[in-house]
Amino acid sequence: MSYLMENKVGKYVYIYDCISFRGENKKVRSIRRVVGKTDPISGARIFKQSYIDEKRKENIIINNPTNIKLYSIDDLNECEMKNLTFLRF
């Protein structure tokens, strides 16, 4: 059985691929590996390229979000000078 799990470590939330199975002595075991992390601003899951390629071979399509807006210090300074805001409520 395989599933995705999120675990918070410090201020970051990492995404793990967990695989559960029964060991030689009939006890349940699981193996976890990091496959990505959650963007702290948008909450979107960002997967490692190796995990995306692995799933693509299994005919499972995973897309990383590309619509996250990034602003430089110059953008913020220019915005502050013009008295504009990026976020409007």
Protein backbone atom coordinates (compact mmCIF):
# COMPACT_ATOMS: atom_id res chain seq x y z
CA MET A 1 0.00 0.00 0.00
CA SER A 2 1.34 3.44 -0.89
CA TYR A 3 0.13 6.89 0.18
CA LEU A 4 1.35 10.48 0.56
CA MET A 5 1.84 11.98 4.02
CA GLU A 6 2.73 15.49 5.16
CA ASN A 7 5.03 16.12 8.12
CA LYS A 8 5.92 19.52 9.56
CA VAL A 9 9.61 19.97 10.39
CA GLY A 10 10.37 23.42 11.78
CA LYS A 11 8.67 25.96 9.53
CA TYR A 12 8.51 23.66 6.47
CA VAL A 13 5.98 20.95 5.59
CA TYR A 14 7.54 18.01 3.74
CA ILE A 15 5.66 15.47 1.63
CA TYR A 16 6.56 11.80 2.09
CA ASP A 17 5.72 8.78 -0.05
CA CYS A 18 4.92 5.99 2.43
CA ILE A 19 4.98 2.31 1.48
CA SER A 20 3.54 -0.21 3.95
CA PHE A 21 4.18 -3.96 3.85
CA ARG A 22 4.43 -7.02 6.06
CA GLY A 23 7.92 -8.07 7.11
CA GLU A 24 9.33 -11.57 7.48
CA ASN A 25 7.93 -11.91 11.02
CA LYS A 26 4.41 -10.86 9.88
CA LYS A 27 4.66 -7.40 11.45
CA VAL A 28 3.57 -4.33 9.51
CA ARG A 29 6.46 -2.12 8.41
CA SER A 30 6.60 1.11 6.45
CA ILE A 31 9.25 3.01 4.53
CA ARG A 32 9.05 6.77 3.98
CA ARG A 33 10.94 8.95 1.53
CA VAL A 34 10.76 12.67 0.89
CA VAL A 35 9.17 13.48 -2.48
CA GLY A 36 8.58 17.22 -2.11
CA LYS A 37 7.46 20.01 0.18
CA THR A 38 4.54 22.38 0.61
CA ASP A 39 4.95 26.02 -0.36
CA PRO A 40 4.53 28.03 2.86
CA ILE A 41 2.83 30.96 1.12
CA SER A 42 0.35 29.31 -1.24
CA GLY A 43 0.08 25.86 0.35
CA ALA A 44 0.69 24.21 -3.03
CA ARG A 45 2.56 20.92 -3.16
CA ILE A 46 5.91 21.14 -4.97
CA PHE A 47 7.30 17.72 -5.91
CA LYS A 48 10.89 16.76 -6.72
CA GLN A 49 11.60 16.21 -10.41
CA SER A 50 12.77 12.63 -9.76
CA TYR A 51 9.37 11.78 -8.21
CA ILE A 52 7.53 13.38 -11.14
CA ASP A 53 9.62 11.35 -13.62
CA GLU A 54 9.02 8.14 -11.66
CA LYS A 55 5.25 8.68 -11.66
CA ARG A 56 5.29 9.61 -15.34
CA LYS A 57 6.72 6.12 -16.09
CA GLU A 58 3.69 4.72 -14.24
CA ASN A 59 1.40 6.90 -16.45
CA ILE A 60 0.51 9.19 -13.52
CA ILE A 61 0.81 12.89 -14.34
CA ILE A 62 1.84 15.27 -11.55
CA ASN A 63 2.21 18.98 -12.27
CA ASN A 64 4.05 21.43 -10.07
CA PRO A 65 2.27 24.78 -9.74
CA THR A 66 3.71 27.49 -11.96
CA ASN A 67 1.34 30.32 -11.09
CA ILE A 68 3.09 31.37 -7.89
CA LYS A 69 3.95 35.06 -8.04
CA LEU A 70 7.45 36.00 -6.96
CA TYR A 71 8.41 39.60 -6.32
CA SER A 72 11.90 41.05 -6.07
CA ILE A 73 13.05 43.73 -3.64
CA ASP A 74 13.03 46.24 -6.50
CA ASP A 75 9.37 45.44 -7.22
CA LEU A 76 8.46 45.95 -3.59
CA ASN A 77 10.39 49.21 -3.33
CA GLU A 78 8.81 50.54 -6.53
CA CYS A 79 5.38 49.55 -5.28
CA GLU A 80 6.00 51.27 -1.97
CA MET A 81 7.07 54.44 -3.76
CA LYS A 82 3.88 54.51 -5.79
CA ASN A 83 1.75 53.74 -2.69
CA LEU A 84 0.33 50.62 -4.34
CA THR A 85 -0.33 47.34 -2.64
CA PHE A 86 0.06 43.81 -3.97
CA LEU A 87 -2.69 42.38 -1.84
CA ARG A 88 -6.13 43.92 -1.93
CA PHE A 89 -8.78 42.79 0.48
